[in-house]
């Protein structure tokens, strides 16, 4: 699969999910993660679709895989926080929520002009 085909597959899966065809989205994301197991974007999308469907075990597995690829990413830490909160583990949810906040602060320090209220 070429990079362009892969990107189209991810975009199609996102569109499918947004239009209510979540099963089709999951099938496409499974293909994407199989084709590119090091794709953070594919694993994160898979986590989010599964989370929205309340498939928490699958969401957690995909989110943890994405997290291994980008442990400092603000968005995957937020996703993990949400999954753990839904699973009833407040301590883990708070841990990943704190990691997301730290990631946000780092981003604000590195890119102060790109944030509302940031220094320019």
Protein backbone atom coordinates (compact mmCIF):
# COMPACT_ATOMS: atom_id res chain seq x y z
CA UNK A 1 0.00 0.00 0.00
CA UNK A 2 1.41 3.37 -1.00
CA UNK A 3 1.46 6.27 1.46
CA UNK A 4 -1.28 7.97 -0.54
CA UNK A 5 -3.45 4.83 -0.48
CA UNK A 6 -2.86 4.53 3.25
CA UNK A 7 -3.86 8.15 3.86
CA UNK A 8 -6.98 7.68 1.75
CA UNK A 9 -7.86 4.57 3.76
CA UNK A 10 -7.60 6.53 7.02
CA UNK A 11 -9.66 9.40 5.63
CA UNK A 12 -12.29 7.00 4.31
CA UNK A 13 -12.50 5.27 7.70
CA UNK A 14 -12.93 8.61 9.43
CA UNK A 15 -15.66 9.60 6.98
CA UNK A 16 -17.39 6.24 7.41
CA UNK A 17 -17.45 6.62 11.17
CA UNK A 18 -18.66 10.23 10.96
CA UNK A 19 -21.54 9.16 8.73
CA UNK A 20 -22.59 6.28 10.95
CA UNK A 21 -20.87 3.39 9.17
CA UNK A 22 -18.72 2.50 12.15
CA UNK A 23 -18.42 -1.20 11.30
CA UNK A 24 -17.00 -0.25 7.91
CA UNK A 25 -14.66 2.21 9.62
CA UNK A 26 -13.43 -0.51 11.97
CA UNK A 27 -12.77 -2.83 9.04
CA UNK A 28 -10.75 -0.15 7.25
CA UNK A 29 -8.82 0.73 10.39
CA UNK A 30 -8.00 -2.93 10.95
CA UNK A 31 -6.57 -2.99 7.43
CA UNK A 32 -4.65 0.21 8.13
CA UNK A 33 -3.10 -1.06 11.36
CA UNK A 34 -2.18 -4.35 9.68
CA UNK A 35 -0.60 -2.52 6.73
CA UNK A 36 1.23 0.02 8.88
CA UNK A 37 1.57 -1.25 12.46
CA UNK A 38 3.77 1.74 13.31
CA UNK A 39 1.12 4.28 12.33
CA UNK A 40 0.16 6.29 15.38
CA UNK A 41 -2.73 7.88 13.48
CA UNK A 42 -4.28 4.52 12.56
CA UNK A 43 -4.10 3.17 16.12
CA UNK A 44 -5.45 6.40 17.59
CA UNK A 45 -8.35 6.45 15.14
CA UNK A 46 -9.09 2.81 15.97
CA UNK A 47 -9.11 3.66 19.67
CA UNK A 48 -11.48 6.58 19.16
CA UNK A 49 -13.95 4.64 17.00
CA UNK A 50 -14.02 1.75 19.46
CA UNK A 51 -14.44 4.18 22.36
CA UNK A 52 -17.39 5.86 20.67
CA UNK A 53 -18.98 2.43 20.25
CA UNK A 54 -18.37 1.69 23.97
CA UNK A 55 -16.06 -1.20 23.01
CA UNK A 56 -13.74 -0.30 25.85
CA UNK A 57 -11.42 -3.33 25.73
CA UNK A 58 -10.72 -2.78 22.04
CA UNK A 59 -10.40 0.97 22.58
CA UNK A 60 -7.90 0.43 25.37
CA UNK A 61 -5.82 -2.03 23.34
CA UNK A 62 -5.62 0.35 20.38
CA UNK A 63 -4.92 3.37 22.59
CA UNK A 64 -2.14 1.55 24.41
CA UNK A 65 -0.56 0.64 21.07
CA UNK A 66 -0.73 4.27 19.93
CA UNK A 67 0.72 5.35 23.26
CA UNK A 68 3.76 3.11 22.78
CA UNK A 69 4.38 4.91 19.49
CA UNK A 70 3.98 8.45 20.91
CA UNK A 71 3.90 8.37 24.70
CA UNK A 72 4.01 12.16 25.06
CA UNK A 73 1.17 12.89 22.65
CA UNK A 74 -1.49 15.09 24.20
CA UNK A 75 -4.36 13.43 22.33
CA UNK A 76 -3.55 9.79 23.05
CA UNK A 77 -3.07 10.59 26.72
CA UNK A 78 -6.49 12.26 26.69
CA UNK A 79 -7.98 9.20 24.99
CA UNK A 80 -6.42 6.89 27.56
CA UNK A 81 -7.74 9.08 30.36
CA UNK A 82 -11.27 8.88 28.94
CA UNK A 83 -11.08 5.10 28.45
CA UNK A 84 -9.81 4.49 31.97
CA UNK A 85 -12.49 6.77 33.43
CA UNK A 86 -15.19 4.82 31.60
CA UNK A 87 -13.67 1.58 32.86
CA UNK A 88 -13.91 2.94 36.40
CA UNK A 89 -10.20 3.33 37.18
CA UNK A 90 -9.99 6.90 38.39
CA UNK A 91 -6.30 6.68 39.34
CA UNK A 92 -5.25 5.61 35.85
CA UNK A 93 -7.60 8.16 34.30
CA UNK A 94 -6.03 10.91 36.39
CA UNK A 95 -2.53 9.71 35.50
CA UNK A 96 -3.15 9.97 31.77
CA UNK A 97 -5.09 13.21 32.22
CA UNK A 98 -2.05 14.68 33.96
CA UNK A 99 0.19 13.45 31.15
CA UNK A 100 -2.09 15.18 28.64
CA UNK A 101 -1.93 18.41 30.65
CA UNK A 102 1.88 18.22 30.79
CA UNK A 103 1.94 17.67 27.02
CA UNK A 104 -0.29 20.71 26.56
CA UNK A 105 1.99 22.86 28.70
CA UNK A 106 5.06 21.71 26.78
CA UNK A 107 3.35 22.57 23.51
CA UNK A 108 2.39 26.00 24.83
CA UNK A 109 5.97 26.68 25.90
CA UNK A 110 7.36 25.56 22.55
CA UNK A 111 4.71 27.37 20.47
CA UNK A 112 3.50 30.32 22.56
CA UNK A 113 2.09 32.29 19.64
CA UNK A 114 -0.19 29.48 18.48
CA UNK A 115 -2.30 29.37 21.64
CA UNK A 116 -5.13 31.69 22.59
CA UNK A 117 -3.91 33.95 25.32
CA UNK A 118 -0.33 32.88 24.73
CA UNK A 119 2.55 35.29 24.58
CA UNK A 120 3.65 36.35 21.14
